[in-house]
Amino acid sequence: MYLTTNKCDGQGDCIRNCPSEAIRFVDNKAFSCMCCGACFEACPNHAIFKNKYGGYVVDRVKCNGCGVCEFTCPIESIHLDNGIVKGICSRCGVCEDVCSKNARVDTDNLVLDKQKVLLNSLKMVANTVGFGAGVKKIESMRLPVKSDKTADRICISTDAETCVKCGRCAYYCPTRSIEVIIQDEGYCVGCKVCEDVCPTGALKDG
């Protein structure tokens, strides 16, 4: 998944060059498909597959343009253009390459960079004080624990007016403490797949 940082100046080079039309402006910032895989899971024809880069691609031979992916997308990124599905990110990296402000960031690299910084910091401490001395120093720095004190609970609230249920918070939560609940069970798009597979012909259009 690619994110847009505050460096974005709204020129739209990423939008114009995205081969799958997966980027659009939201509040003058580039906003794109987050590769959540909801379309992949919902496609009744198995026409969407995950590529080696972690993005998703549509097999146009299998796709019949039913629109299930469009109605399943939590951020309304997917749209059909003359029966062709567009708006799904394949993680090709074109948006990152063409951005003159370096405002597009690959989240996989972002997480990896933070991990490297943490490991380098730990290595620096170990080299400075020595492993044994480091352990003793950390032990001496520990604060006394009060057994009679109840731990405070941490709570993060969600603004229901601005939340679009994109699921990014749940995806990146390190303890998996967040769950995005979609109350709507689904939308009928008139693809007639259920009618075709019903063995008794009990389902009729309309």
N, C-alpha and C. Protein backbone atom coordinates (compact mmCIF):
# COMPACT_ATOMS: atom_id res chain seq x y z
N MET A 1 0.84 -1.19 0.00
CA MET A 1 0.00 0.00 0.00
C MET A 1 0.88 1.24 0.00
N TYR A 2 0.46 2.24 -0.76
CA TYR A 2 1.18 3.50 -0.81
C TYR A 2 0.38 4.58 -0.10
N LEU A 3 1.09 5.38 0.70
CA LEU A 3 0.47 6.49 1.41
C LEU A 3 1.01 7.81 0.88
N THR A 4 0.23 8.87 1.10
CA THR A 4 0.66 10.21 0.70
C THR A 4 1.00 11.02 1.94
N THR A 5 2.19 11.59 1.97
CA THR A 5 2.62 12.39 3.11
C THR A 5 2.21 13.85 2.91
N ASN A 6 2.54 14.67 3.90
CA ASN A 6 2.20 16.10 3.84
C ASN A 6 3.01 16.86 2.79
N LYS A 7 3.96 16.18 2.16
CA LYS A 7 4.74 16.83 1.10
C LYS A 7 3.92 17.02 -0.18
N CYS A 8 2.79 16.35 -0.27
CA CYS A 8 1.96 16.42 -1.47
C CYS A 8 1.52 17.85 -1.74
N ASP A 9 1.77 18.33 -2.97
CA ASP A 9 1.39 19.69 -3.34
C ASP A 9 0.16 19.74 -4.24
N GLY A 10 -0.46 18.58 -4.45
CA GLY A 10 -1.69 18.54 -5.23
C GLY A 10 -1.52 18.69 -6.73
N GLN A 11 -0.32 18.44 -7.25
CA GLN A 11 -0.10 18.57 -8.69
C GLN A 11 -0.76 17.44 -9.48
N GLY A 12 -0.89 16.28 -8.85
CA GLY A 12 -1.61 15.17 -9.47
C GLY A 12 -0.84 14.34 -10.47
N ASP A 13 0.49 14.39 -10.43
CA ASP A 13 1.29 13.57 -11.35
C ASP A 13 1.02 12.08 -11.13
N CYS A 14 0.83 11.70 -9.88
CA CYS A 14 0.57 10.29 -9.55
C CYS A 14 -0.76 9.84 -10.14
N ILE A 15 -1.76 10.71 -10.09
CA ILE A 15 -3.08 10.37 -10.60
C ILE A 15 -3.05 10.20 -12.12
N ARG A 16 -2.39 11.11 -12.78
CA ARG A 16 -2.32 11.06 -14.25
C ARG A 16 -1.52 9.86 -14.76
N ASN A 17 -0.57 9.39 -13.99
CA ASN A 17 0.31 8.31 -14.44
C ASN A 17 -0.07 6.93 -13.93
N CYS A 18 -1.01 6.85 -12.99
CA CYS A 18 -1.40 5.55 -12.44
C CYS A 18 -2.07 4.71 -13.52
N PRO A 19 -1.51 3.56 -13.89
CA PRO A 19 -2.06 2.75 -14.99
C PRO A 19 -3.40 2.11 -14.66
N SER A 20 -3.71 1.97 -13.39
CA SER A 20 -4.98 1.33 -13.01
C SER A 20 -6.00 2.32 -12.46
N GLU A 21 -5.68 3.61 -12.53
CA GLU A 21 -6.58 4.66 -12.04
C GLU A 21 -7.02 4.41 -10.60
N ALA A 22 -6.04 4.05 -9.76
CA ALA A 22 -6.32 3.70 -8.37
C ALA A 22 -6.10 4.86 -7.41
N ILE A 23 -5.79 6.06 -7.93
CA ILE A 23 -5.52 7.22 -7.08
C ILE A 23 -6.49 8.34 -7.42
N ARG A 24 -6.97 9.02 -6.39
CA ARG A 24 -7.85 10.17 -6.59
C ARG A 24 -7.57 11.21 -5.52
N PHE A 25 -8.06 12.41 -5.72
CA PHE A 25 -7.87 13.48 -4.74
C PHE A 25 -8.97 13.44 -3.68
N VAL A 26 -8.57 13.51 -2.42
CA VAL A 26 -9.49 13.67 -1.29
C VAL A 26 -8.93 14.80 -0.44
N ASP A 27 -9.66 15.89 -0.35
CA ASP A 27 -9.19 17.09 0.36
C ASP A 27 -7.83 17.54 -0.18
N ASN A 28 -7.71 17.51 -1.50
CA ASN A 28 -6.51 17.97 -2.21
C ASN A 28 -5.26 17.14 -1.89
N LYS A 29 -5.46 15.90 -1.43
CA LYS A 29 -4.35 14.98 -1.19
C LYS A 29 -4.62 13.69 -1.96
N ALA A 30 -3.56 13.11 -2.48
CA ALA A 30 -3.71 11.86 -3.23
C ALA A 30 -4.09 10.72 -2.29
N PHE A 31 -5.17 10.03 -2.62
CA PHE A 31 -5.68 8.93 -1.80
C PHE A 31 -5.88 7.74 -2.72
N SER A 32 -5.39 6.58 -2.30
CA SER A 32 -5.41 5.44 -3.22
C SER A 32 -5.88 4.16 -2.57
N CYS A 33 -6.10 3.16 -3.43
CA CYS A 33 -6.43 1.80 -3.00
C CYS A 33 -5.41 1.34 -1.96
N MET A 34 -5.90 0.70 -0.88
CA MET A 34 -5.00 0.32 0.20
C MET A 34 -4.64 -1.17 0.16
N CYS A 35 -5.00 -1.84 -0.93
CA CYS A 35 -4.63 -3.26 -1.10
C CYS A 35 -5.11 -4.11 0.07
N CYS A 36 -6.34 -3.86 0.53
CA CYS A 36 -6.88 -4.61 1.67
C CYS A 36 -7.29 -6.02 1.29
N GLY A 37 -7.57 -6.25 0.01
CA GLY A 37 -7.95 -7.58 -0.45
C GLY A 37 -9.43 -7.89 -0.38
N ALA A 38 -10.25 -6.89 -0.02
CA ALA A 38 -11.70 -7.13 0.09
C ALA A 38 -12.29 -7.52 -1.27
N CYS A 39 -11.82 -6.89 -2.33
CA CYS A 39 -12.31 -7.21 -3.68
C CYS A 39 -11.89 -8.63 -4.08
N PHE A 40 -10.68 -8.99 -3.71
CA PHE A 40 -10.15 -10.33 -3.99
C PHE A 40 -11.01 -11.41 -3.33
N GLU A 41 -11.39 -11.16 -2.07
CA GLU A 41 -12.19 -12.12 -1.32
C GLU A 41 -13.62 -12.20 -1.84
N ALA A 42 -14.15 -11.08 -2.33
CA ALA A 42 -15.57 -11.02 -2.70
C ALA A 42 -15.86 -11.44 -4.14
N CYS A 43 -14.87 -11.41 -5.01
CA CYS A 43 -15.11 -11.67 -6.43
C CYS A 43 -15.68 -13.07 -6.66
N PRO A 44 -16.90 -13.19 -7.19
CA PRO A 44 -17.50 -14.52 -7.38
C PRO A 44 -16.88 -15.31 -8.52
N ASN A 45 -16.14 -14.63 -9.38
CA ASN A 45 -15.54 -15.30 -10.54
C ASN A 45 -14.05 -15.58 -10.36
N HIS A 46 -13.52 -15.23 -9.18
CA HIS A 46 -12.09 -15.41 -8.90
C HIS A 46 -11.24 -14.73 -9.98
N ALA A 47 -11.69 -13.53 -10.37
CA ALA A 47 -11.01 -12.80 -11.44
C ALA A 47 -9.95 -11.85 -10.92
N ILE A 48 -9.83 -11.74 -9.61
CA ILE A 48 -8.82 -10.85 -9.01
C ILE A 48 -7.78 -11.70 -8.30
N PHE A 49 -6.52 -11.45 -8.57
CA PHE A 49 -5.47 -12.23 -7.92
C PHE A 49 -4.39 -11.30 -7.38
N LYS A 50 -3.65 -11.80 -6.41
CA LYS A 50 -2.58 -11.04 -5.77
C LYS A 50 -1.27 -11.32 -6.48
N ASN A 51 -0.57 -10.26 -6.87
CA ASN A 51 0.70 -10.45 -7.56
C ASN A 51 1.87 -10.53 -6.58
N LYS A 52 3.06 -10.71 -7.09
CA LYS A 52 4.23 -10.92 -6.23
C LYS A 52 4.65 -9.67 -5.48
N TYR A 53 4.12 -8.51 -5.87
CA TYR A 53 4.45 -7.26 -5.19
C TYR A 53 3.50 -6.95 -4.04
N GLY A 54 2.47 -7.77 -3.89
CA GLY A 54 1.48 -7.54 -2.84
C GLY A 54 0.29 -6.74 -3.29
N GLY A 55 0.25 -6.39 -4.57
CA GLY A 55 -0.89 -5.68 -5.13
C GLY A 55 -1.88 -6.64 -5.75
N TYR A 56 -2.96 -6.10 -6.32
CA TYR A 56 -4.00 -6.94 -6.91
C TYR A 56 -4.23 -6.58 -8.37
N VAL A 57 -4.48 -7.60 -9.17
CA VAL A 57 -4.65 -7.44 -10.62
C VAL A 57 -5.92 -8.17 -11.05
N VAL A 58 -6.61 -7.61 -12.04
CA VAL A 58 -7.85 -8.20 -12.55
C VAL A 58 -7.56 -9.02 -13.80
N ASP A 59 -8.03 -10.27 -13.79
CA ASP A 59 -7.95 -11.12 -14.97
C ASP A 59 -9.17 -10.81 -15.83
N ARG A 60 -8.97 -10.10 -16.91
CA ARG A 60 -10.10 -9.65 -17.73
C ARG A 60 -10.81 -10.79 -18.44
N VAL A 61 -10.16 -11.92 -18.57
CA VAL A 61 -10.80 -13.09 -19.18
C VAL A 61 -11.88 -13.63 -18.25
N LYS A 62 -11.58 -13.68 -16.96
CA LYS A 62 -12.54 -14.21 -15.98
C LYS A 62 -13.56 -13.16 -15.53
N CYS A 63 -13.19 -11.89 -15.59
CA CYS A 63 -14.07 -10.82 -15.10
C CYS A 63 -15.26 -10.62 -16.04
N ASN A 64 -16.47 -10.61 -15.47
CA ASN A 64 -17.67 -10.37 -16.27
C ASN A 64 -18.31 -9.02 -15.97
N GLY A 65 -17.58 -8.18 -15.21
CA GLY A 65 -18.08 -6.84 -14.94
C GLY A 65 -19.30 -6.80 -14.05
N CYS A 66 -19.43 -7.76 -13.13
CA CYS A 66 -20.62 -7.83 -12.28
C CYS A 66 -20.70 -6.67 -11.28
N GLY A 67 -19.54 -6.10 -10.91
CA GLY A 67 -19.53 -4.96 -10.00
C GLY A 67 -19.47 -5.28 -8.53
N VAL A 68 -19.33 -6.56 -8.18
CA VAL A 68 -19.25 -6.94 -6.76
C VAL A 68 -18.04 -6.28 -6.10
N CYS A 69 -16.93 -6.23 -6.79
CA CYS A 69 -15.72 -5.61 -6.23
C CYS A 69 -15.94 -4.13 -5.96
N GLU A 70 -16.66 -3.45 -6.85
CA GLU A 70 -16.93 -2.02 -6.69
C GLU A 70 -17.74 -1.75 -5.43
N PHE A 71 -18.76 -2.57 -5.19
CA PHE A 71 -19.62 -2.36 -4.02
C PHE A 71 -18.98 -2.88 -2.74
N THR A 72 -17.96 -3.74 -2.87
CA THR A 72 -17.28 -4.28 -1.69
C THR A 72 -16.19 -3.35 -1.19
N CYS A 73 -15.59 -2.57 -2.07
CA CYS A 73 -14.46 -1.71 -1.71
C CYS A 73 -14.84 -0.75 -0.58
N PRO A 74 -14.14 -0.80 0.56
CA PRO A 74 -14.50 0.04 1.71
C PRO A 74 -14.21 1.52 1.53
N ILE A 75 -13.37 1.87 0.56
CA ILE A 75 -13.04 3.29 0.37
C ILE A 75 -13.50 3.81 -0.99
N GLU A 76 -14.33 3.02 -1.67
CA GLU A 76 -14.93 3.42 -2.96
C GLU A 76 -13.86 3.80 -3.99
N SER A 77 -12.81 3.01 -4.03
CA SER A 77 -11.73 3.25 -4.98
C SER A 77 -12.00 2.60 -6.33
N ILE A 78 -12.73 1.49 -6.32
CA ILE A 78 -12.96 0.71 -7.53
C ILE A 78 -14.15 1.26 -8.32
N HIS A 79 -13.99 1.32 -9.62
CA HIS A 79 -15.08 1.74 -10.50
C HIS A 79 -14.97 0.99 -11.82
N LEU A 80 -16.09 0.88 -12.51
CA LEU A 80 -16.12 0.21 -13.80
C LEU A 80 -16.20 1.24 -14.92
N ASP A 81 -15.34 1.08 -15.91
CA ASP A 81 -15.30 1.96 -17.07
C ASP A 81 -15.53 1.11 -18.32
N ASN A 82 -16.76 1.18 -18.86
CA ASN A 82 -17.13 0.35 -20.01
C ASN A 82 -16.90 -1.13 -19.74
N GLY A 83 -17.26 -1.55 -18.53
CA GLY A 83 -17.14 -2.95 -18.16
C GLY A 83 -15.77 -3.38 -17.69
N ILE A 84 -14.81 -2.46 -17.70
CA ILE A 84 -13.44 -2.77 -17.26
C ILE A 84 -13.24 -2.25 -15.84
N VAL A 85 -12.79 -3.13 -14.95
CA VAL A 85 -12.57 -2.77 -13.55
C VAL A 85 -11.31 -1.93 -13.42
N LYS A 86 -11.45 -0.78 -12.77
CA LYS A 86 -10.31 0.10 -12.52
C LYS A 86 -10.34 0.56 -11.07
N GLY A 87 -9.20 1.03 -10.58
CA GLY A 87 -9.13 1.53 -9.21
C GLY A 87 -8.48 0.59 -8.23
N ILE A 88 -7.93 -0.54 -8.71
CA ILE A 88 -7.26 -1.50 -7.84
C ILE A 88 -5.74 -1.34 -8.00
N CYS A 89 -5.05 -1.14 -6.89
CA CYS A 89 -3.61 -0.91 -6.92
C CYS A 89 -2.84 -2.22 -7.12
N SER A 90 -1.94 -2.21 -8.09
CA SER A 90 -1.10 -3.39 -8.34
C SER A 90 0.28 -3.24 -7.70
N ARG A 91 0.49 -2.13 -6.98
CA ARG A 91 1.77 -1.82 -6.33
C ARG A 91 2.91 -1.80 -7.35
N CYS A 92 2.65 -1.19 -8.49
CA CYS A 92 3.68 -1.10 -9.53
C CYS A 92 4.76 -0.08 -9.18
N GLY A 93 4.41 0.91 -8.35
CA GLY A 93 5.38 1.90 -7.91
C GLY A 93 5.53 3.11 -8.81
N VAL A 94 4.70 3.21 -9.85
CA VAL A 94 4.79 4.34 -10.78
C VAL A 94 4.52 5.65 -10.06
N CYS A 95 3.54 5.66 -9.16
CA CYS A 95 3.18 6.89 -8.44
C CYS A 95 4.35 7.43 -7.63
N GLU A 96 5.11 6.53 -7.04
CA GLU A 96 6.28 6.94 -6.25
C GLU A 96 7.38 7.50 -7.15
N ASP A 97 7.53 6.91 -8.32
CA ASP A 97 8.59 7.34 -9.24
C ASP A 97 8.33 8.71 -9.85
N VAL A 98 7.06 9.00 -10.16
CA VAL A 98 6.75 10.25 -10.87
C VAL A 98 6.52 11.43 -9.94
N CYS A 99 6.39 11.20 -8.64
CA CYS A 99 6.13 12.29 -7.70
C CYS A 99 7.40 13.12 -7.49
N SER A 100 7.35 14.38 -7.89
CA SER A 100 8.53 15.25 -7.78
C SER A 100 8.80 15.68 -6.34
N LYS A 101 7.82 15.54 -5.47
CA LYS A 101 7.96 15.95 -4.07
C LYS A 101 8.28 14.78 -3.14
N ASN A 102 8.40 13.58 -3.70
CA ASN A 102 8.63 12.36 -2.89
C ASN A 102 7.56 12.21 -1.81
N ALA A 103 6.32 12.51 -2.19
CA ALA A 103 5.22 12.47 -1.23
C ALA A 103 4.56 11.10 -1.13
N ARG A 104 4.82 10.23 -2.10
CA ARG A 104 4.24 8.89 -2.06
C ARG A 104 5.22 7.94 -1.38
N VAL A 105 4.72 7.21 -0.38
CA VAL A 105 5.58 6.35 0.44
C VAL A 105 5.04 4.92 0.43
N ASP A 106 5.91 3.97 0.16
CA ASP A 106 5.57 2.55 0.24
C ASP A 106 5.56 2.16 1.71
N THR A 107 4.41 1.74 2.22
CA THR A 107 4.30 1.44 3.66
C THR A 107 5.17 0.26 4.07
N ASP A 108 5.41 -0.67 3.16
CA ASP A 108 6.29 -1.80 3.49
C ASP A 108 7.70 -1.30 3.81
N ASN A 109 8.18 -0.35 3.00
CA ASN A 109 9.50 0.23 3.25
C ASN A 109 9.49 1.08 4.51
N LEU A 110 8.35 1.73 4.78
CA LEU A 110 8.24 2.57 5.97
C LEU A 110 8.39 1.74 7.23
N VAL A 111 7.69 0.61 7.27
CA VAL A 111 7.78 -0.28 8.43
C VAL A 111 9.18 -0.85 8.56
N LEU A 112 9.77 -1.24 7.41
CA LEU A 112 11.12 -1.81 7.42
C LEU A 112 12.14 -0.79 7.92
N ASP A 113 11.99 0.47 7.50
CA ASP A 113 12.91 1.52 7.94
C ASP A 113 12.84 1.73 9.45
N LYS A 114 11.62 1.70 9.99
CA LYS A 114 11.46 1.88 11.44
C LYS A 114 12.07 0.71 12.21
N GLN A 115 11.93 -0.49 11.66
CA GLN A 115 12.53 -1.66 12.29
C GLN A 115 14.06 -1.55 12.30
N LYS A 116 14.62 -1.06 11.19
CA LYS A 116 16.08 -0.90 11.10
C LYS A 116 16.58 0.13 12.10
N VAL A 117 15.83 1.22 12.25
CA VAL A 117 16.21 2.27 13.21
C VAL A 117 16.22 1.70 14.62
N LEU A 118 15.19 0.91 14.96
CA LEU A 118 15.12 0.31 16.29
C LEU A 118 16.28 -0.64 16.53
N LEU A 119 16.57 -1.51 15.55
CA LEU A 119 17.66 -2.47 15.71
C LEU A 119 19.01 -1.78 15.82
N ASN A 120 19.21 -0.73 15.03
CA ASN A 120 20.46 0.03 15.10
C ASN A 120 20.62 0.72 16.45
N SER A 121 19.51 1.20 17.00
CA SER A 121 19.54 1.85 18.32
C SER A 121 19.93 0.85 19.40
N LEU A 122 19.34 -0.35 19.32
CA LEU A 122 19.67 -1.39 20.30
C LEU A 122 21.13 -1.83 20.17
N LYS A 123 21.60 -1.92 18.94
CA LYS A 123 22.99 -2.30 18.70
C LYS A 123 23.94 -1.25 19.24
N MET A 124 23.56 0.03 19.09
CA MET A 124 24.40 1.12 19.57
C MET A 124 24.51 1.08 21.09
N VAL A 125 23.39 0.80 21.76
CA VAL A 125 23.40 0.71 23.22
C VAL A 125 24.27 -0.45 23.67
N ALA A 126 24.12 -1.59 22.98
CA ALA A 126 24.89 -2.78 23.35
C ALA A 126 26.39 -2.56 23.19
N ASN A 127 26.77 -1.88 22.11
CA ASN A 127 28.19 -1.61 21.87
C ASN A 127 28.76 -0.59 22.84
N THR A 128 27.90 0.30 23.33
CA THR A 128 28.37 1.37 24.22
C THR A 128 28.61 0.88 25.64
N VAL A 129 27.64 0.15 26.18
CA VAL A 129 27.73 -0.26 27.59
C VAL A 129 28.10 -1.72 27.76
N GLY A 130 28.09 -2.50 26.70
CA GLY A 130 28.37 -3.93 26.83
C GLY A 130 27.10 -4.66 27.23
N PHE A 131 26.96 -5.91 26.80
CA PHE A 131 25.72 -6.63 27.06
C PHE A 131 25.47 -6.82 28.55
N GLY A 132 26.49 -7.29 29.27
CA GLY A 132 26.30 -7.52 30.70
C GLY A 132 26.03 -6.25 31.46
N ALA A 133 26.86 -5.23 31.20
CA ALA A 133 26.67 -3.95 31.88
C ALA A 133 25.35 -3.33 31.51
N GLY A 134 24.93 -3.55 30.24
CA GLY A 134 23.67 -2.98 29.79
C GLY A 134 22.50 -3.56 30.55
N VAL A 135 22.53 -4.87 30.78
CA VAL A 135 21.46 -5.52 31.53
C VAL A 135 21.41 -5.00 32.95
N LYS A 136 22.59 -4.89 33.59
CA LYS A 136 22.64 -4.39 34.96
C LYS A 136 22.13 -2.95 35.04
N LYS A 137 22.49 -2.16 34.03
CA LYS A 137 22.07 -0.76 34.03
C LYS A 137 20.56 -0.66 33.89
N ILE A 138 20.00 -1.49 33.00
CA ILE A 138 18.55 -1.47 32.82
C ILE A 138 17.84 -1.92 34.08
N GLU A 139 18.39 -2.96 34.76
CA GLU A 139 17.80 -3.44 36.01
C GLU A 139 17.79 -2.34 37.05
N SER A 140 18.89 -1.57 37.13
CA SER A 140 18.99 -0.52 38.14
C SER A 140 18.06 0.65 37.83
N MET A 141 17.66 0.79 36.57
CA MET A 141 16.80 1.89 36.18
C MET A 141 15.32 1.59 36.37
N ARG A 142 14.99 0.35 36.66
CA ARG A 142 13.59 -0.02 36.82
C ARG A 142 12.97 0.67 38.04
N LEU A 143 11.78 1.17 37.84
CA LEU A 143 11.07 1.83 38.93
C LEU A 143 10.38 0.78 39.79
N PRO A 144 10.26 1.04 41.10
CA PRO A 144 9.56 0.10 41.97
C PRO A 144 8.08 -0.02 41.58
N VAL A 145 7.58 -1.24 41.59
CA VAL A 145 6.19 -1.50 41.20
C VAL A 145 5.30 -1.47 42.43
N LYS A 146 4.24 -0.69 42.35
CA LYS A 146 3.26 -0.64 43.44
C LYS A 146 2.17 -1.66 43.16
N SER A 147 2.11 -2.67 44.00
CA SER A 147 1.17 -3.76 43.76
C SER A 147 -0.28 -3.36 43.98
N ASP A 148 -0.50 -2.26 44.71
CA ASP A 148 -1.87 -1.87 45.01
C ASP A 148 -2.45 -0.91 43.98
N LYS A 149 -1.69 -0.61 42.92
CA LYS A 149 -2.17 0.34 41.93
C LYS A 149 -2.76 -0.40 40.73
N THR A 150 -3.92 0.06 40.28
CA THR A 150 -4.57 -0.52 39.12
C THR A 150 -4.07 0.16 37.85
N ALA A 151 -3.73 -0.62 36.87
CA ALA A 151 -3.22 -0.06 35.62
C ALA A 151 -4.30 0.73 34.91
N ASP A 152 -3.92 1.89 34.38
CA ASP A 152 -4.87 2.72 33.64
C ASP A 152 -5.11 2.13 32.26
N ARG A 153 -6.36 2.16 31.83
CA ARG A 153 -6.71 1.67 30.50
C ARG A 153 -6.55 2.78 29.48
N ILE A 154 -6.03 2.43 28.32
CA ILE A 154 -5.87 3.38 27.24
C ILE A 154 -7.01 3.21 26.25
N CYS A 155 -7.63 4.31 25.87
CA CYS A 155 -8.78 4.24 24.98
C CYS A 155 -8.62 5.25 23.85
N ILE A 156 -8.80 4.80 22.63
CA ILE A 156 -8.79 5.67 21.46
C ILE A 156 -10.19 5.70 20.88
N SER A 157 -10.74 6.89 20.72
CA SER A 157 -12.10 7.00 20.19
C SER A 157 -12.08 7.26 18.69
N THR A 158 -13.17 6.94 18.03
CA THR A 158 -13.30 7.12 16.59
C THR A 158 -14.38 8.15 16.29
N ASP A 159 -14.05 9.09 15.41
CA ASP A 159 -15.02 10.09 14.97
C ASP A 159 -15.83 9.47 13.84
N ALA A 160 -17.07 9.11 14.13
CA ALA A 160 -17.92 8.42 13.16
C ALA A 160 -18.23 9.27 11.94
N GLU A 161 -18.12 10.58 12.07
CA GLU A 161 -18.43 11.46 10.95
C GLU A 161 -17.32 11.47 9.89
N THR A 162 -16.08 11.31 10.34
CA THR A 162 -14.95 11.39 9.41
C THR A 162 -14.39 10.02 9.03
N CYS A 163 -14.67 8.98 9.83
CA CYS A 163 -14.16 7.64 9.55
C CYS A 163 -14.81 7.07 8.28
N VAL A 164 -13.99 6.55 7.36
CA VAL A 164 -14.50 5.95 6.12
C VAL A 164 -14.38 4.43 6.15
N LYS A 165 -14.02 3.88 7.32
CA LYS A 165 -13.89 2.43 7.50
C LYS A 165 -12.92 1.81 6.49
N CYS A 166 -11.81 2.52 6.25
CA CYS A 166 -10.81 2.00 5.30
C CYS A 166 -10.00 0.84 5.90
N GLY A 167 -9.94 0.78 7.23
CA GLY A 167 -9.26 -0.33 7.88
C GLY A 167 -7.77 -0.17 8.08
N ARG A 168 -7.22 1.01 7.77
CA ARG A 168 -5.77 1.20 7.91
C ARG A 168 -5.34 1.10 9.37
N CYS A 169 -6.15 1.63 10.28
CA CYS A 169 -5.80 1.58 11.70
C CYS A 169 -5.69 0.14 12.18
N ALA A 170 -6.65 -0.70 11.75
CA ALA A 170 -6.64 -2.11 12.15
C ALA A 170 -5.47 -2.85 11.52
N TYR A 171 -5.13 -2.48 10.29
CA TYR A 171 -4.05 -3.15 9.57
C TYR A 171 -2.70 -2.91 10.23
N TYR A 172 -2.48 -1.69 10.72
CA TYR A 172 -1.18 -1.33 11.27
C TYR A 172 -1.10 -1.44 12.79
N CYS A 173 -2.20 -1.72 13.47
CA CYS A 173 -2.16 -1.86 14.93
C CYS A 173 -1.26 -3.04 15.32
N PRO A 174 -0.17 -2.83 16.05
CA PRO A 174 0.78 -3.91 16.35
C PRO A 174 0.22 -4.98 17.26
N THR A 175 -0.82 -4.66 18.03
CA THR A 175 -1.40 -5.65 18.94
C THR A 175 -2.75 -6.18 18.45
N ARG A 176 -3.14 -5.77 17.24
CA ARG A 176 -4.41 -6.20 16.65
C ARG A 176 -5.59 -5.94 17.59
N SER A 177 -5.58 -4.75 18.19
CA SER A 177 -6.63 -4.37 19.13
C SER A 177 -7.79 -3.64 18.46
N ILE A 178 -7.67 -3.39 17.17
CA ILE A 178 -8.70 -2.64 16.46
C ILE A 178 -9.39 -3.54 15.44
N GLU A 179 -10.69 -3.45 15.39
CA GLU A 179 -11.47 -4.21 14.41
C GLU A 179 -12.48 -3.28 13.77
N VAL A 180 -12.48 -3.24 12.45
CA VAL A 180 -13.44 -2.42 11.72
C VAL A 180 -14.68 -3.26 11.45
N ILE A 181 -15.81 -2.82 11.96
CA ILE A 181 -17.05 -3.56 11.82
C ILE A 181 -17.93 -2.89 10.76
N ILE A 182 -18.23 -3.62 9.72
CA ILE A 182 -19.12 -3.13 8.67
C ILE A 182 -20.51 -3.70 8.94
N GLN A 183 -21.46 -2.83 9.24
CA GLN A 183 -22.80 -3.30 9.59
C GLN A 183 -23.59 -3.77 8.37
N ASP A 184 -23.37 -3.14 7.22
CA ASP A 184 -24.10 -3.55 6.03
C ASP A 184 -23.63 -4.92 5.58
N GLU A 185 -24.58 -5.84 5.41
CA GLU A 185 -24.24 -7.21 5.03
C GLU A 185 -23.77 -7.30 3.58
N GLY A 186 -24.22 -6.38 2.75
CA GLY A 186 -23.81 -6.43 1.35
C GLY A 186 -24.82 -5.73 0.47
N TYR A 187 -24.50 -5.63 -0.79
CA TYR A 187 -25.36 -4.95 -1.75
C TYR A 187 -25.57 -5.85 -2.96
N CYS A 188 -26.81 -5.93 -3.41
CA CYS A 188 -27.10 -6.68 -4.63
C CYS A 188 -26.77 -5.80 -5.83
N VAL A 189 -25.93 -6.32 -6.72
CA VAL A 189 -25.54 -5.54 -7.90
C VAL A 189 -26.15 -6.11 -9.17
N GLY A 190 -27.04 -7.09 -9.01
CA GLY A 190 -27.72 -7.64 -10.17
C GLY A 190 -26.85 -8.49 -11.07
N CYS A 191 -25.81 -9.11 -10.51
CA CYS A 191 -24.92 -9.92 -11.35
C CYS A 191 -25.55 -11.26 -11.75
N LYS A 192 -26.59 -11.70 -11.00
CA LYS A 192 -27.35 -12.92 -11.27
C LYS A 192 -26.54 -14.20 -11.10
N VAL A 193 -25.43 -14.11 -10.38
CA VAL A 193 -24.63 -15.32 -10.12
C VAL A 193 -25.44 -16.30 -9.27
N CYS A 194 -26.14 -15.76 -8.26
CA CYS A 194 -26.94 -16.63 -7.38
C CYS A 194 -28.05 -17.33 -8.17
N GLU A 195 -28.65 -16.60 -9.12
CA GLU A 195 -29.71 -17.17 -9.95
C GLU A 195 -29.18 -18.29 -10.84
N ASP A 196 -27.97 -18.10 -11.33
CA ASP A 196 -27.37 -19.10 -12.22
C ASP A 196 -27.01 -20.40 -11.50
N VAL A 197 -26.57 -20.28 -10.24
CA VAL A 197 -26.11 -21.47 -9.52
C VAL A 197 -27.21 -22.15 -8.71
N CYS A 198 -28.38 -21.53 -8.59
CA CYS A 198 -29.46 -22.12 -7.79
C CYS A 198 -29.97 -23.39 -8.48
N PRO A 199 -29.91 -24.55 -7.80
CA PRO A 199 -30.28 -25.82 -8.44
C PRO A 199 -31.77 -25.98 -8.70
N THR A 200 -32.61 -25.21 -8.00
CA THR A 200 -34.06 -25.37 -8.15
C THR A 200 -34.72 -24.20 -8.88
N GLY A 201 -33.92 -23.21 -9.27
CA GLY A 201 -34.50 -22.06 -9.95
C GLY A 201 -35.39 -21.21 -9.07
N ALA A 202 -35.08 -21.20 -7.77
CA ALA A 202 -35.92 -20.48 -6.81
C ALA A 202 -35.65 -18.98 -6.77
N LEU A 203 -34.55 -18.55 -7.37
CA LEU A 203 -34.20 -17.13 -7.37
C LEU A 203 -34.53 -16.51 -8.72
N LYS A 204 -35.27 -15.40 -8.66
CA LYS A 204 -35.66 -14.70 -9.88
C LYS A 204 -35.32 -13.23 -9.76
N ASP A 205 -34.97 -12.61 -10.86
CA ASP A 205 -34.66 -11.18 -10.89
C ASP A 205 -35.92 -10.38 -10.62
N GLY A 206 -35.80 -9.41 -9.67
CA GLY A 206 -36.94 -8.55 -9.36
C GLY A 206 -37.84 -9.11 -8.29
